[in-house]
Amino acid sequence: MRSAVFVLLAVLVTAPVTAQSAQRPGTGVTAPVVVKEVKPTYPEGAKSTKIEGTVVLEAVVKEDGTVGDLHVVRSLDTRYDFNGEALKAAKQWTFKPGTREGKPVPVVVTIELWFAPPKK
């Protein structure tokens, strides 16, 4: 099973981030670094479907390294709760915060969480 992938996006995405002061990495802003990663749980109701793939989230990593505003950018399947499981897992992640001029700042990141059916 592939582990979750932490990806930074330098391009704008169509979904707005609600934290007004959040910045994107680059131009003097350093990217947060994952300290604790929590893998999502495969939804119980989806086990017989063998659906496999990623849910892409956009999150604001706050100055203290915790995850603030969080929303789904790309869903895997809407019939099962892949989005909910991805959000639940990502809320538990912690980071070494991003900085600007040596001070922690809120930074927008993209998180991809991989789902694969459990092996028997």
PDB file of N, CA and C in Angstrom:
ATOM      1  N   MET A   1       0.848  -1.185   0.000  1.00  0.00           N
ATOM      2  CA  MET A   1       0.000   0.000   0.000  1.00  0.00           C
ATOM      3  C   MET A   1       0.885   1.237   0.000  1.00  0.00           C
ATOM      4  N   ARG A   2       0.583   2.180  -0.836  1.00  0.00           N
ATOM      5  CA  ARG A   2       1.341   3.419  -0.871  1.00  0.00           C
ATOM      6  C   ARG A   2       0.963   4.265   0.326  1.00  0.00           C
ATOM      7  N   SER A   3       1.925   4.985   0.870  1.00  0.00           N
ATOM      8  CA  SER A   3       1.615   5.865   1.986  1.00  0.00           C
ATOM      9  C   SER A   3       1.080   7.182   1.439  1.00  0.00           C
ATOM     10  N   ALA A   4       0.539   7.968   2.343  1.00  0.00           N
ATOM     11  CA  ALA A   4       0.017   9.276   1.943  1.00  0.00           C
ATOM     12  C   ALA A   4       1.156  10.110   1.381  1.00  0.00           C
ATOM     13  N   VAL A   5       0.829  10.945   0.458  1.00  0.00           N
ATOM     14  CA  VAL A   5       1.824  11.780  -0.198  1.00  0.00           C
ATOM     15  C   VAL A   5       1.547  13.226   0.171  1.00  0.00           C
ATOM     16  N   PHE A   6       2.579  13.924   0.579  1.00  0.00           N
ATOM     17  CA  PHE A   6       2.467  15.339   0.917  1.00  0.00           C
ATOM     18  C   PHE A   6       2.972  16.121  -0.274  1.00  0.00           C
ATOM     19  N   VAL A   7       2.114  16.927  -0.841  1.00  0.00           N
ATOM     20  CA  VAL A   7       2.455  17.649  -2.058  1.00  0.00           C
ATOM     21  C   VAL A   7       2.161  19.127  -1.851  1.00  0.00           C
ATOM     22  N   LEU A   8       3.070  19.960  -2.261  1.00  0.00           N
ATOM     23  CA  LEU A   8       2.836  21.401  -2.223  1.00  0.00           C
ATOM     24  C   LEU A   8       2.457  21.856  -3.613  1.00  0.00           C
ATOM     25  N   LEU A   9       1.461  22.684  -3.705  1.00  0.00           N
ATOM     26  CA  LEU A   9       1.040  23.232  -4.991  1.00  0.00           C
ATOM     27  C   LEU A   9       1.411  24.701  -5.041  1.00  0.00           C
ATOM     28  N   ALA A  10       2.091  25.079  -6.075  1.00  0.00           N
ATOM     29  CA  ALA A  10       2.475  26.478  -6.224  1.00  0.00           C
ATOM     30  C   ALA A  10       1.488  27.232  -7.103  1.00  0.00           C
ATOM     31  N   VAL A  11       0.548  26.509  -7.701  1.00  0.00           N
ATOM     32  CA  VAL A  11      -0.427  27.159  -8.562  1.00  0.00           C
ATOM     33  C   VAL A  11      -1.726  27.371  -7.800  1.00  0.00           C
ATOM     34  N   LEU A  12      -2.504  28.298  -8.250  1.00  0.00           N
ATOM     35  CA  LEU A  12      -3.788  28.552  -7.614  1.00  0.00           C
ATOM     36  C   LEU A  12      -4.762  27.439  -7.951  1.00  0.00           C
ATOM     37  N   VAL A  13      -5.599  27.097  -6.991  1.00  0.00           N
ATOM     38  CA  VAL A  13      -6.666  26.141  -7.247  1.00  0.00           C
ATOM     39  C   VAL A  13      -7.977  26.907  -7.199  1.00  0.00           C
ATOM     40  N   THR A  14      -9.009  26.324  -7.772  1.00  0.00           N
ATOM     41  CA  THR A  14     -10.263  27.047  -7.890  1.00  0.00           C
ATOM     42  C   THR A  14     -11.002  27.190  -6.561  1.00  0.00           C
ATOM     43  N   ALA A  15     -10.822  26.262  -5.624  1.00  0.00           N
ATOM     44  CA  ALA A  15     -11.524  26.355  -4.350  1.00  0.00           C
ATOM     45  C   ALA A  15     -10.812  27.365  -3.449  1.00  0.00           C
ATOM     46  N   PRO A  16     -11.556  28.322  -2.867  1.00  0.00           N
ATOM     47  CA  PRO A  16     -10.916  29.325  -2.029  1.00  0.00           C
ATOM     48  C   PRO A  16     -10.518  28.757  -0.676  1.00  0.00           C
ATOM     49  N   VAL A  17      -9.447  29.295  -0.113  1.00  0.00           N
ATOM     50  CA  VAL A  17      -9.037  28.947   1.243  1.00  0.00           C
ATOM     51  C   VAL A  17      -9.605  30.025   2.144  1.00  0.00           C
ATOM     52  N   THR A  18     -10.263  29.631   3.228  1.00  0.00           N
ATOM     53  CA  THR A  18     -10.955  30.611   4.046  1.00  0.00           C
ATOM     54  C   THR A  18     -10.038  31.371   4.998  1.00  0.00           C
ATOM     55  N   ALA A  19      -8.858  30.860   5.316  1.00  0.00           N
ATOM     56  CA  ALA A  19      -7.936  31.597   6.179  1.00  0.00           C
ATOM     57  C   ALA A  19      -7.331  32.745   5.376  1.00  0.00           C
ATOM     58  N   GLN A  20      -7.706  33.957   5.722  1.00  0.00           N
ATOM     59  CA  GLN A  20      -7.319  35.117   4.927  1.00  0.00           C
ATOM     60  C   GLN A  20      -5.822  35.378   4.933  1.00  0.00           C
ATOM     61  N   SER A  21      -5.153  35.025   6.002  1.00  0.00           N
ATOM     62  CA  SER A  21      -3.734  35.359   6.089  1.00  0.00           C
ATOM     63  C   SER A  21      -2.817  34.242   5.596  1.00  0.00           C
ATOM     64  N   ALA A  22      -3.363  33.131   5.137  1.00  0.00           N
ATOM     65  CA  ALA A  22      -2.532  32.015   4.687  1.00  0.00           C
ATOM     66  C   ALA A  22      -1.799  32.372   3.403  1.00  0.00           C
ATOM     67  N   GLN A  23      -0.562  31.890   3.310  1.00  0.00           N
ATOM     68  CA  GLN A  23       0.272  32.153   2.141  1.00  0.00           C
ATOM     69  C   GLN A  23       0.629  30.830   1.484  1.00  0.00           C
ATOM     70  N   ARG A  24       1.183  30.909   0.307  1.00  0.00           N
ATOM     71  CA  ARG A  24       1.670  29.722  -0.385  1.00  0.00           C
ATOM     72  C   ARG A  24       3.191  29.731  -0.329  1.00  0.00           C
ATOM     73  N   PRO A  25       3.814  28.550  -0.330  1.00  0.00           N
ATOM     74  CA  PRO A  25       5.275  28.490  -0.306  1.00  0.00           C
ATOM     75  C   PRO A  25       5.882  29.217  -1.506  1.00  0.00           C
ATOM     76  N   GLY A  26       7.036  29.787  -1.309  1.00  0.00           N
ATOM     77  CA  GLY A  26       7.726  30.534  -2.358  1.00  0.00           C
ATOM     78  C   GLY A  26       7.781  32.004  -2.002  1.00  0.00           C
ATOM     79  N   THR A  27       8.565  32.763  -2.706  1.00  0.00           N
ATOM     80  CA  THR A  27       8.720  34.194  -2.484  1.00  0.00           C
ATOM     81  C   THR A  27       8.928  34.509  -1.000  1.00  0.00           C
ATOM     82  N   GLY A  28       9.917  33.835  -0.395  1.00  0.00           N
ATOM     83  CA  GLY A  28      10.257  34.097   0.998  1.00  0.00           C
ATOM     84  C   GLY A  28       9.493  33.281   2.013  1.00  0.00           C
ATOM     85  N   VAL A  29       8.521  32.489   1.583  1.00  0.00           N
ATOM     86  CA  VAL A  29       7.740  31.646   2.496  1.00  0.00           C
ATOM     87  C   VAL A  29       8.229  30.209   2.356  1.00  0.00           C
ATOM     88  N   THR A  30       8.674  29.628   3.474  1.00  0.00           N
ATOM     89  CA  THR A  30       9.122  28.233   3.435  1.00  0.00           C
ATOM     90  C   THR A  30       7.935  27.298   3.647  1.00  0.00           C
ATOM     91  N   ALA A  31       8.034  26.119   3.078  1.00  0.00           N
ATOM     92  CA  ALA A  31       6.967  25.126   3.186  1.00  0.00           C
ATOM     93  C   ALA A  31       7.000  24.435   4.547  1.00  0.00           C
ATOM     94  N   PRO A  32       5.823  24.109   5.091  1.00  0.00           N
ATOM     95  CA  PRO A  32       5.774  23.299   6.305  1.00  0.00           C
ATOM     96  C   PRO A  32       6.358  21.912   6.027  1.00  0.00           C
ATOM     97  N   VAL A  33       6.819  21.250   7.086  1.00  0.00           N
ATOM     98  CA  VAL A  33       7.381  19.902   6.977  1.00  0.00           C
ATOM     99  C   VAL A  33       6.544  18.966   7.849  1.00  0.00           C
ATOM    100  N   VAL A  34       6.124  17.839   7.287  1.00  0.00           N
ATOM    101  CA  VAL A  34       5.303  16.879   8.029  1.00  0.00           C
ATOM    102  C   VAL A  34       6.101  16.307   9.198  1.00  0.00           C
ATOM    103  N   VAL A  35       5.492  16.350  10.391  1.00  0.00           N
ATOM    104  CA  VAL A  35       6.078  15.767  11.594  1.00  0.00           C
ATOM    105  C   VAL A  35       5.338  14.478  11.948  1.00  0.00           C
ATOM    106  N   LYS A  36       4.017  14.522  11.847  1.00  0.00           N
ATOM    107  CA  LYS A  36       3.178  13.353  12.160  1.00  0.00           C
ATOM    108  C   LYS A  36       2.146  13.185  11.059  1.00  0.00           C
ATOM    109  N   GLU A  37       2.153  12.020  10.437  1.00  0.00           N
ATOM    110  CA  GLU A  37       1.210  11.699   9.362  1.00  0.00           C
ATOM    111  C   GLU A  37       0.279  10.597   9.842  1.00  0.00           C
ATOM    112  N   VAL A  38      -1.021  10.780   9.664  1.00  0.00           N
ATOM    113  CA  VAL A  38      -2.014   9.767  10.019  1.00  0.00           C
ATOM    114  C   VAL A  38      -2.626   9.243   8.734  1.00  0.00           C
ATOM    115  N   LYS A  39      -2.562   7.944   8.536  1.00  0.00           N
ATOM    116  CA  LYS A  39      -3.125   7.335   7.327  1.00  0.00           C
ATOM    117  C   LYS A  39      -4.647   7.212   7.483  1.00  0.00           C
ATOM    118  N   PRO A  40      -5.383   7.404   6.397  1.00  0.00           N
ATOM    119  CA  PRO A  40      -6.845   7.297   6.478  1.00  0.00           C
ATOM    120  C   PRO A  40      -7.288   5.842   6.581  1.00  0.00           C
ATOM    121  N   THR A  41      -8.467   5.662   7.154  1.00  0.00           N
ATOM    122  CA  THR A  41      -9.080   4.342   7.246  1.00  0.00           C
ATOM    123  C   THR A  41      -9.906   4.100   5.987  1.00  0.00           C
ATOM    124  N   TYR A  42      -9.767   2.921   5.404  1.00  0.00           N
ATOM    125  CA  TYR A  42     -10.562   2.573   4.223  1.00  0.00           C
ATOM    126  C   TYR A  42     -12.014   2.400   4.679  1.00  0.00           C
ATOM    127  N   PRO A  43     -12.983   3.054   4.025  1.00  0.00           N
ATOM    128  CA  PRO A  43     -14.382   2.960   4.454  1.00  0.00           C
ATOM    129  C   PRO A  43     -14.902   1.517   4.433  1.00  0.00           C
ATOM    130  N   GLU A  44     -15.522   1.121   5.502  1.00  0.00           N
ATOM    131  CA  GLU A  44     -16.035  -0.244   5.657  1.00  0.00           C
ATOM    132  C   GLU A  44     -16.972  -0.632   4.516  1.00  0.00           C
ATOM    133  N   GLY A  45     -17.891   0.257   4.150  1.00  0.00           N
ATOM    134  CA  GLY A  45     -18.871  -0.040   3.111  1.00  0.00           C
ATOM    135  C   GLY A  45     -18.279  -0.194   1.723  1.00  0.00           C
ATOM    136  N   ALA A  46     -17.063   0.257   1.528  1.00  0.00           N
ATOM    137  CA  ALA A  46     -16.438   0.216   0.197  1.00  0.00           C
ATOM    138  C   ALA A  46     -15.535  -0.994  -0.002  1.00  0.00           C
ATOM    139  N   LYS A  47     -15.345  -1.810   1.028  1.00  0.00           N
ATOM    140  CA  LYS A  47     -14.387  -2.918   0.944  1.00  0.00           C
ATOM    141  C   LYS A  47     -14.688  -3.892  -0.189  1.00  0.00           C
ATOM    142  N   SER A  48     -15.948  -4.150  -0.462  1.00  0.00           N
ATOM    143  CA  SER A  48     -16.279  -5.101  -1.524  1.00  0.00           C
ATOM    144  C   SER A  48     -16.074  -4.497  -2.919  1.00  0.00           C
ATOM    145  N   THR A  49     -15.964  -3.177  -3.019  1.00  0.00           N
ATOM    146  CA  THR A  49     -15.830  -2.515  -4.319  1.00  0.00           C
ATOM    147  C   THR A  49     -14.404  -2.521  -4.844  1.00  0.00           C
ATOM    148  N   LYS A  50     -13.441  -2.623  -3.916  1.00  0.00           N
ATOM    149  CA  LYS A  50     -12.013  -2.597  -4.259  1.00  0.00           C
ATOM    150  C   LYS A  50     -11.592  -1.295  -4.946  1.00  0.00           C
ATOM    151  N   ILE A  51     -12.280  -0.197  -4.602  1.00  0.00           N
ATOM    152  CA  ILE A  51     -11.916   1.116  -5.135  1.00  0.00           C
ATOM    153  C   ILE A  51     -10.537   1.494  -4.623  1.00  0.00           C
ATOM    154  N   GLU A  52      -9.726   2.070  -5.510  1.00  0.00           N
ATOM    155  CA  GLU A  52      -8.368   2.458  -5.163  1.00  0.00           C
ATOM    156  C   GLU A  52      -8.074   3.827  -5.779  1.00  0.00           C
ATOM    157  N   GLY A  53      -7.404   4.691  -5.032  1.00  0.00           N
ATOM    158  CA  GLY A  53      -7.039   5.993  -5.563  1.00  0.00           C
ATOM    159  C   GLY A  53      -6.817   7.014  -4.474  1.00  0.00           C
ATOM    160  N   THR A  54      -6.785   8.295  -4.853  1.00  0.00           N
ATOM    161  CA  THR A  54      -6.472   9.351  -3.898  1.00  0.00           C
ATOM    162  C   THR A  54      -7.610  10.348  -3.720  1.00  0.00           C
ATOM    163  N   VAL A  55      -7.637  10.925  -2.539  1.00  0.00           N
ATOM    164  CA  VAL A  55      -8.452  12.095  -2.245  1.00  0.00           C
ATOM    165  C   VAL A  55      -7.448  13.227  -2.072  1.00  0.00           C
ATOM    166  N   VAL A  56      -7.690  14.333  -2.768  1.00  0.00           N
ATOM    167  CA  VAL A  56      -6.785  15.477  -2.691  1.00  0.00           C
ATOM    168  C   VAL A  56      -7.439  16.548  -1.825  1.00  0.00           C
ATOM    169  N   LEU A  57      -6.686  17.006  -0.825  1.00  0.00           N
ATOM    170  CA  LEU A  57      -7.169  18.014   0.102  1.00  0.00           C
ATOM    171  C   LEU A  57      -6.298  19.260   0.025  1.00  0.00           C
ATOM    172  N   GLU A  58      -6.886  20.393   0.336  1.00  0.00           N
ATOM    173  CA  GLU A  58      -6.106  21.606   0.519  1.00  0.00           C
ATOM    174  C   GLU A  58      -6.295  22.016   1.970  1.00  0.00           C
ATOM    175  N   ALA A  59      -5.185  22.343   2.633  1.00  0.00           N
ATOM    176  CA  ALA A  59      -5.220  22.657   4.055  1.00  0.00           C
ATOM    177  C   ALA A  59      -4.385  23.880   4.349  1.00  0.00           C
ATOM    178  N   VAL A  60      -4.730  24.538   5.441  1.00  0.00           N
ATOM    179  CA  VAL A  60      -3.893  25.607   5.961  1.00  0.00           C
ATOM    180  C   VAL A  60      -3.158  25.041   7.166  1.00  0.00           C
ATOM    181  N   VAL A  61      -1.819  25.061   7.104  1.00  0.00           N
ATOM    182  CA  VAL A  61      -1.020  24.683   8.253  1.00  0.00           C
ATOM    183  C   VAL A  61      -0.813  25.964   9.062  1.00  0.00           C
ATOM    184  N   LYS A  62      -1.318  25.944  10.294  1.00  0.00           N
ATOM    185  CA  LYS A  62      -1.273  27.139  11.135  1.00  0.00           C
ATOM    186  C   LYS A  62       0.125  27.364  11.709  1.00  0.00           C
ATOM    187  N   GLU A  63       0.311  28.501  12.336  1.00  0.00           N
ATOM    188  CA  GLU A  63       1.606  28.875  12.902  1.00  0.00           C
ATOM    189  C   GLU A  63       2.116  27.873  13.930  1.00  0.00           C
ATOM    190  N   ASP A  64       1.207  27.154  14.593  1.00  0.00           N
ATOM    191  CA  ASP A  64       1.636  26.167  15.599  1.00  0.00           C
ATOM    192  C   ASP A  64       1.859  24.775  15.005  1.00  0.00           C
ATOM    193  N   GLY A  65       1.699  24.643  13.676  1.00  0.00           N
ATOM    194  CA  GLY A  65       1.946  23.365  13.015  1.00  0.00           C
ATOM    195  C   GLY A  65       0.746  22.444  12.932  1.00  0.00           C
ATOM    196  N   THR A  66      -0.392  22.872  13.448  1.00  0.00           N
ATOM    197  CA  THR A  66      -1.601  22.061  13.341  1.00  0.00           C
ATOM    198  C   THR A  66      -2.342  22.426  12.061  1.00  0.00           C
ATOM    199  N   VAL A  67      -3.282  21.568  11.670  1.00  0.00           N
ATOM    200  CA  VAL A  67      -4.063  21.792  10.456  1.00  0.00           C
ATOM    201  C   VAL A  67      -5.294  22.615  10.798  1.00  0.00           C
ATOM    202  N   GLY A  68      -5.471  23.707  10.062  1.00  0.00           N
ATOM    203  CA  GLY A  68      -6.638  24.571  10.252  1.00  0.00           C
ATOM    204  C   GLY A  68      -7.679  24.270   9.188  1.00  0.00           C
ATOM    205  N   ASP A  69      -8.033  25.286   8.412  1.00  0.00           N
ATOM    206  CA  ASP A  69      -9.030  25.123   7.350  1.00  0.00           C
ATOM    207  C   ASP A  69      -8.624  23.993   6.419  1.00  0.00           C
ATOM    208  N   LEU A  70      -9.594  23.204   6.025  1.00  0.00           N
ATOM    209  CA  LEU A  70      -9.333  21.990   5.254  1.00  0.00           C
ATOM    210  C   LEU A  70     -10.533  21.720   4.369  1.00  0.00           C
ATOM    211  N   HIS A  71     -10.278  21.434   3.079  1.00  0.00           N
ATOM    212  CA  HIS A  71     -11.392  21.073   2.194  1.00  0.00           C
ATOM    213  C   HIS A  71     -10.914  20.130   1.084  1.00  0.00           C
ATOM    214  N   VAL A  72     -11.877  19.431   0.507  1.00  0.00           N
ATOM    215  CA  VAL A  72     -11.602  18.465  -0.557  1.00  0.00           C
ATOM    216  C   VAL A  72     -11.469  19.206  -1.881  1.00  0.00           C
ATOM    217  N   VAL A  73     -10.367  18.945  -2.589  1.00  0.00           N
ATOM    218  CA  VAL A  73     -10.133  19.505  -3.917  1.00  0.00           C
ATOM    219  C   VAL A  73     -10.567  18.495  -4.972  1.00  0.00           C
ATOM    220  N   ARG A  74     -10.258  17.190  -4.730  1.00  0.00           N
ATOM    221  CA  ARG A  74     -10.657  16.133  -5.665  1.00  0.00           C
ATOM    222  C   ARG A  74     -11.063  14.905  -4.865  1.00  0.00           C
ATOM    223  N   SER A  75     -12.272  14.444  -5.132  1.00  0.00           N
ATOM    224  CA  SER A  75     -12.833  13.288  -4.441  1.00  0.00           C
ATOM    225  C   SER A  75     -12.478  12.003  -5.182  1.00  0.00           C
ATOM    226  N   LEU A  76     -12.462  10.903  -4.452  1.00  0.00           N
ATOM    227  CA  LEU A  76     -12.205   9.601  -5.068  1.00  0.00           C
ATOM    228  C   LEU A  76     -13.512   8.964  -5.533  1.00  0.00           C
ATOM    229  N   ASP A  77     -14.503   8.931  -4.690  1.00  0.00           N
ATOM    230  CA  ASP A  77     -15.785   8.300  -5.004  1.00  0.00           C
ATOM    231  C   ASP A  77     -16.827   8.883  -4.061  1.00  0.00           C
ATOM    232  N   THR A  78     -17.932   9.337  -4.582  1.00  0.00           N
ATOM    233  CA  THR A  78     -18.937  10.003  -3.749  1.00  0.00           C
ATOM    234  C   THR A  78     -19.930   9.046  -3.088  1.00  0.00           C
ATOM    235  N   ARG A  79     -19.934   7.772  -3.466  1.00  0.00           N
ATOM    236  CA  ARG A  79     -20.877   6.833  -2.863  1.00  0.00           C
ATOM    237  C   ARG A  79     -20.459   6.387  -1.473  1.00  0.00           C
ATOM    238  N   TYR A  80     -19.191   6.460  -1.179  1.00  0.00           N
ATOM    239  CA  TYR A  80     -18.663   6.005   0.100  1.00  0.00           C
ATOM    240  C   TYR A  80     -17.971   7.180   0.782  1.00  0.00           C
ATOM    241  N   ASP A  81     -17.610   7.040   2.031  1.00  0.00           N
ATOM    242  CA  ASP A  81     -17.094   8.180   2.795  1.00  0.00           C
ATOM    243  C   ASP A  81     -15.571   8.336   2.711  1.00  0.00           C
ATOM    244  N   PHE A  82     -15.023   8.243   1.498  1.00  0.00           N
ATOM    245  CA  PHE A  82     -13.579   8.453   1.340  1.00  0.00           C
ATOM    246  C   PHE A  82     -13.201   9.882   1.754  1.00  0.00           C
ATOM    247  N   ASN A  83     -14.019  10.856   1.362  1.00  0.00           N
ATOM    248  CA  ASN A  83     -13.729  12.246   1.722  1.00  0.00           C
ATOM    249  C   ASN A  83     -13.691  12.428   3.235  1.00  0.00           C
ATOM    250  N   GLY A  84     -14.684  11.903   3.910  1.00  0.00           N
ATOM    251  CA  GLY A  84     -14.753  12.027   5.370  1.00  0.00           C
ATOM    252  C   GLY A  84     -13.559  11.389   6.050  1.00  0.00           C
ATOM    253  N   GLU A  85     -13.167  10.210   5.576  1.00  0.00           N
ATOM    254  CA  GLU A  85     -12.009   9.527   6.164  1.00  0.00           C
ATOM    255  C   GLU A  85     -10.721  10.297   5.899  1.00  0.00           C
ATOM    256  N   ALA A  86     -10.608  10.883   4.700  1.00  0.00           N
ATOM    257  CA  ALA A  86      -9.424  11.676   4.373  1.00  0.00           C
ATOM    258  C   ALA A  86      -9.357  12.920   5.261  1.00  0.00           C
ATOM    259  N   LEU A  87     -10.474  13.617   5.425  1.00  0.00           N
ATOM    260  CA  LEU A  87     -10.515  14.806   6.269  1.00  0.00           C
ATOM    261  C   LEU A  87     -10.186  14.466   7.720  1.00  0.00           C
ATOM    262  N   LYS A  88     -10.750  13.368   8.208  1.00  0.00           N
ATOM    263  CA  LYS A  88     -10.504  12.944   9.589  1.00  0.00           C
ATOM    264  C   LYS A  88      -9.017  12.673   9.812  1.00  0.00           C
ATOM    265  N   ALA A  89      -8.380  11.991   8.871  1.00  0.00           N
ATOM    266  CA  ALA A  89      -6.955  11.676   9.004  1.00  0.00           C
ATOM    267  C   ALA A  89      -6.109  12.951   8.927  1.00  0.00           C
ATOM    268  N   ALA A  90      -6.378  13.806   7.944  1.00  0.00           N
ATOM    269  CA  ALA A  90      -5.557  15.009   7.734  1.00  0.00           C
ATOM    270  C   ALA A  90      -5.633  15.972   8.918  1.00  0.00           C
ATOM    271  N   LYS A  91      -6.773  16.030   9.597  1.00  0.00           N
ATOM    272  CA  LYS A  91      -6.910  16.908  10.765  1.00  0.00           C
ATOM    273  C   LYS A  91      -5.949  16.508  11.883  1.00  0.00           C
ATOM    274  N   GLN A  92      -5.476  15.273  11.856  1.00  0.00           N
ATOM    275  CA  GLN A  92      -4.574  14.779  12.900  1.00  0.00           C
ATOM    276  C   GLN A  92      -3.092  14.970  12.552  1.00  0.00           C
ATOM    277  N   TRP A  93      -2.805  15.412  11.326  1.00  0.00           N
ATOM    278  CA  TRP A  93      -1.413  15.641  10.933  1.00  0.00           C
ATOM    279  C   TRP A  93      -0.849  16.818  11.715  1.00  0.00           C
ATOM    280  N   THR A  94       0.469  16.789  11.941  1.00  0.00           N
ATOM    281  CA  THR A  94       1.151  17.940  12.501  1.00  0.00           C
ATOM    282  C   THR A  94       2.390  18.236  11.650  1.00  0.00           C
ATOM    283  N   PHE A  95       2.800  19.478  11.676  1.00  0.00           N
ATOM    284  CA  PHE A  95       3.884  19.950  10.834  1.00  0.00           C
ATOM    285  C   PHE A  95       4.847  20.819  11.633  1.00  0.00           C
ATOM    286  N   LYS A  96       6.066  20.911  11.144  1.00  0.00           N
ATOM    287  CA  LYS A  96       6.953  21.999  11.529  1.00  0.00           C
ATOM    288  C   LYS A  96       6.451  23.137  10.645  1.00  0.00           C
ATOM    289  N   PRO A  97       5.983  24.245  11.241  1.00  0.00           N
ATOM    290  CA  PRO A  97       5.316  25.269  10.431  1.00  0.00           C
ATOM    291  C   PRO A  97       6.206  25.918   9.384  1.00  0.00           C
ATOM    292  N   GLY A  98       5.553  26.428   8.357  1.00  0.00           N
ATOM    293  CA  GLY A  98       6.248  27.228   7.360  1.00  0.00           C
ATOM    294  C   GLY A  98       6.607  28.573   7.968  1.00  0.00           C
ATOM    295  N   THR A  99       7.594  29.239   7.380  1.00  0.00           N
ATOM    296  CA  THR A  99       8.029  30.522   7.939  1.00  0.00           C
ATOM    297  C   THR A  99       8.194  31.586   6.857  1.00  0.00           C
ATOM    298  N   ARG A 100       8.193  32.800   7.306  1.00  0.00           N
ATOM    299  CA  ARG A 100       8.526  33.963   6.473  1.00  0.00           C
ATOM    300  C   ARG A 100       9.382  34.860   7.356  1.00  0.00           C
ATOM    301  N   GLU A 101      10.574  35.161   6.863  1.00  0.00           N
ATOM    302  CA  GLU A 101      11.535  35.960   7.619  1.00  0.00           C
ATOM    303  C   GLU A 101      11.793  35.346   8.996  1.00  0.00           C
ATOM    304  N   GLY A 102      11.843  34.009   9.040  1.00  0.00           N
ATOM    305  CA  GLY A 102      12.163  33.290  10.270  1.00  0.00           C
ATOM    306  C   GLY A 102      11.025  33.138  11.263  1.00  0.00           C
ATOM    307  N   LYS A 103       9.849  33.667  10.956  1.00  0.00           N
ATOM    308  CA  LYS A 103       8.713  33.579  11.869  1.00  0.00           C
ATOM    309  C   LYS A 103       7.642  32.666  11.288  1.00  0.00           C
ATOM    310  N   PRO A 104       7.012  31.811  12.124  1.00  0.00           N
ATOM    311  CA  PRO A 104       5.953  30.931  11.634  1.00  0.00           C
ATOM    312  C   PRO A 104       4.785  31.726  11.055  1.00  0.00           C
ATOM    313  N   VAL A 105       4.276  31.246   9.914  1.00  0.00           N
ATOM    314  CA  VAL A 105       3.119  31.857   9.260  1.00  0.00           C
ATOM    315  C   VAL A 105       2.186  30.748   8.782  1.00  0.00           C
ATOM    316  N   PRO A 106       0.885  31.027   8.641  1.00  0.00           N
ATOM    317  CA  PRO A 106      -0.017  30.030   8.069  1.00  0.00           C
ATOM    318  C   PRO A 106       0.289  29.848   6.583  1.00  0.00           C
ATOM    319  N   VAL A 107       0.375  28.587   6.168  1.00  0.00           N
ATOM    320  CA  VAL A 107       0.743  28.274   4.792  1.00  0.00           C
ATOM    321  C   VAL A 107      -0.246  27.268   4.213  1.00  0.00           C
ATOM    322  N   VAL A 108      -0.657  27.497   2.973  1.00  0.00           N
ATOM    323  CA  VAL A 108      -1.565  26.602   2.258  1.00  0.00           C
ATOM    324  C   VAL A 108      -0.758  25.451   1.664  1.00  0.00           C
ATOM    325  N   VAL A 109      -1.209  24.223   1.903  1.00  0.00           N
ATOM    326  CA  VAL A 109      -0.572  23.033   1.336  1.00  0.00           C
ATOM    327  C   VAL A 109      -1.637  22.130   0.726  1.00  0.00           C
ATOM    328  N   THR A 110      -1.196  21.259  -0.139  1.00  0.00           N
ATOM    329  CA  THR A 110      -2.072  20.239  -0.705  1.00  0.00           C
ATOM    330  C   THR A 110      -1.610  18.888  -0.174  1.00  0.00           C
ATOM    331  N   ILE A 111      -2.563  18.086   0.264  1.00  0.00           N
ATOM    332  CA  ILE A 111      -2.282  16.754   0.805  1.00  0.00           C
ATOM    333  C   ILE A 111      -3.032  15.739  -0.045  1.00  0.00           C
ATOM    334  N   GLU A 112      -2.329  14.714  -0.513  1.00  0.00           N
ATOM    335  CA  GLU A 112      -2.962  13.615  -1.235  1.00  0.00           C
ATOM    336  C   GLU A 112      -2.945  12.385  -0.332  1.00  0.00           C
ATOM    337  N   LEU A 113      -4.123  11.803  -0.115  1.00  0.00           N
ATOM    338  CA  LEU A 113      -4.234  10.606   0.720  1.00  0.00           C
ATOM    339  C   LEU A 113      -4.656   9.426  -0.164  1.00  0.00           C
ATOM    340  N   TRP A 114      -3.862   8.370  -0.118  1.00  0.00           N
ATOM    341  CA  TRP A 114      -4.059   7.182  -0.945  1.00  0.00           C
ATOM    342  C   TRP A 114      -4.938   6.172  -0.231  1.00  0.00           C
ATOM    343  N   PHE A 115      -5.912   5.628  -0.948  1.00  0.00           N
ATOM    344  CA  PHE A 115      -6.789   4.579  -0.448  1.00  0.00           C
ATOM    345  C   PHE A 115      -6.615   3.328  -1.291  1.00  0.00           C
ATOM    346  N   ALA A 116      -6.458   2.193  -0.651  1.00  0.00           N
ATOM    347  CA  ALA A 116      -6.424   0.890  -1.326  1.00  0.00           C
ATOM    348  C   ALA A 116      -7.183  -0.086  -0.439  1.00  0.00           C
ATOM    349  N   PRO A 117      -7.920  -1.010  -1.051  1.00  0.00           N
ATOM    350  CA  PRO A 117      -8.680  -1.964  -0.229  1.00  0.00           C
ATOM    351  C   PRO A 117      -7.730  -2.791   0.628  1.00  0.00           C
ATOM    352  N   PRO A 118      -8.156  -3.125   1.845  1.00  0.00           N
ATOM    353  CA  PRO A 118      -7.293  -3.947   2.719  1.00  0.00           C
ATOM    354  C   PRO A 118      -7.040  -5.312   2.103  1.00  0.00           C
ATOM    355  N   LYS A 119      -5.848  -5.803   2.318  1.00  0.00           N
ATOM    356  CA  LYS A 119      -5.504  -7.145   1.835  1.00  0.00           C
ATOM    357  C   LYS A 119      -6.065  -8.167   2.791  1.00  0.00           C
ATOM    358  N   LYS A 120      -6.491  -9.301   2.248  1.00  0.00           N
ATOM    359  CA  LYS A 120      -7.077 -10.351   3.088  1.00  0.00           C
ATOM    360  C   LYS A 120      -6.028 -11.128   3.817  1.00  0.00           C
TER     361      LYS A 120
END
